Amino acid sequence: MLAADNIRPAQSRYLIRSSCRPAGEIVRSNDAIMEQPRLAHTDPYGAAWLVVMLPDDWRAAKALLTPGHKVAEPYLELMRLANFAGCGAGC
């Protein structure tokens, strides 16, 4: 089975790029995000998880992951260059 785009494994600090589709089994999905889509904005790194996936080949899947700290710096720089101060509590 191919996993959906933008999967965030539970208990992890990694993000899977949307172009990444590792083979594996989706063992659990989050009904709460379907019932409360706003969670994607209010708690994106907590309650808004999508699925728990058991990859067929963990080493191959892990090689496709980007640690969160390596993702944040380029985005912070883009926001700085665009003079984007953030959206504060209004997000």
Protein backbone atom coordinates (compact mmCIF):
# COMPACT_ATOMS: atom_id res chain seq x y z
CA MET A 1 0.00 0.00 0.00
CA LEU A 2 1.23 3.52 -0.70
CA ALA A 3 0.92 6.00 2.12
CA ALA A 4 -0.85 9.31 1.60
CA ASP A 5 1.06 12.57 1.21
CA ASN A 6 2.36 14.45 4.26
CA ILE A 7 2.29 11.65 6.79
CA ARG A 8 3.74 12.38 10.21
CA PRO A 9 4.67 9.20 12.12
CA ALA A 10 3.48 9.17 15.71
CA GLN A 11 6.08 9.89 18.38
CA SER A 12 8.49 11.34 15.85
CA ARG A 13 10.14 14.65 15.09
CA TYR A 14 10.31 13.92 11.39
CA LEU A 15 8.17 15.10 8.52
CA ILE A 16 7.66 13.11 5.35
CA ARG A 17 7.89 15.25 2.26
CA SER A 18 4.76 15.21 0.11
CA SER A 19 6.69 13.62 -2.76
CA CYS A 20 7.56 10.69 -0.51
CA ARG A 21 5.29 7.67 -0.52
CA PRO A 22 6.94 4.79 1.33
CA ALA A 23 5.28 1.41 1.09
CA GLY A 24 3.74 0.13 4.28
CA GLU A 25 0.62 -0.49 6.26
CA ILE A 26 -1.50 2.25 7.81
CA VAL A 27 -2.29 0.77 11.21
CA ARG A 28 -4.29 3.63 12.70
CA SER A 29 -5.91 6.83 11.48
CA ASN A 30 -7.07 9.90 13.37
CA ASP A 31 -10.86 10.25 13.35
CA ALA A 32 -10.59 13.52 15.31
CA ILE A 33 -8.96 15.37 12.41
CA MET A 34 -11.84 14.34 10.14
CA GLU A 35 -14.40 15.50 12.70
CA GLN A 36 -12.48 18.68 13.63
CA PRO A 37 -10.41 19.82 10.62
CA ARG A 38 -9.52 23.04 12.50
CA LEU A 39 -7.07 20.93 14.53
CA ALA A 40 -4.72 21.25 11.57
CA HIS A 41 -4.39 24.94 12.47
CA THR A 42 -4.82 24.87 16.23
CA ASP A 43 -2.68 21.82 17.07
CA PRO A 44 -0.72 20.81 13.94
CA TYR A 45 2.04 18.97 15.82
CA GLY A 46 -0.21 17.32 18.39
CA ALA A 47 -3.85 16.37 17.92
CA ALA A 48 -3.78 16.88 14.13
CA TRP A 49 -1.77 13.77 13.26
CA LEU A 50 -3.17 11.87 10.30
CA VAL A 51 -2.04 8.24 10.42
CA VAL A 52 0.30 5.81 12.14
CA MET A 53 2.16 3.84 9.52
CA LEU A 54 4.25 0.70 9.74
CA PRO A 55 6.66 1.00 6.78
CA ASP A 56 7.70 -2.13 4.89
CA ASP A 57 11.33 -1.00 5.06
CA TRP A 58 12.07 1.35 7.97
CA ARG A 59 15.62 2.17 6.86
CA ALA A 60 14.48 3.17 3.36
CA ALA A 61 11.56 5.18 4.78
CA LYS A 62 13.79 6.90 7.35
CA ALA A 63 16.20 7.96 4.60
CA LEU A 64 13.32 9.93 3.05
CA LEU A 65 12.53 11.82 6.26
CA THR A 66 13.66 15.34 7.06
CA PRO A 67 14.27 16.18 10.74
CA GLY A 68 12.14 19.08 11.89
CA HIS A 69 15.12 21.28 12.78
CA LYS A 70 16.35 21.04 9.18
CA VAL A 71 12.92 22.09 7.89
CA ALA A 72 12.46 25.05 10.21
CA GLU A 73 15.55 27.09 9.34
CA PRO A 74 14.81 27.47 5.58
CA TYR A 75 11.18 28.44 6.32
CA LEU A 76 12.22 30.94 8.96
CA GLU A 77 14.61 32.50 6.45
CA LEU A 78 11.86 32.71 3.81
CA MET A 79 9.55 34.39 6.32
CA ARG A 80 12.31 36.82 7.28
CA LEU A 81 12.95 37.71 3.63
CA ALA A 82 9.22 38.24 3.07
CA ASN A 83 8.94 40.37 6.23
CA PHE A 84 6.35 37.92 7.54
CA ALA A 85 6.08 38.31 11.30
CA GLY A 86 3.68 35.43 11.77
CA CYS A 87 -0.03 35.36 12.27
CA GLY A 88 -0.11 35.28 16.06
CA ALA A 89 -3.25 34.10 17.81
CA GLY A 90 -5.40 34.76 14.72
CA CYS A 91 -4.27 31.60 12.91
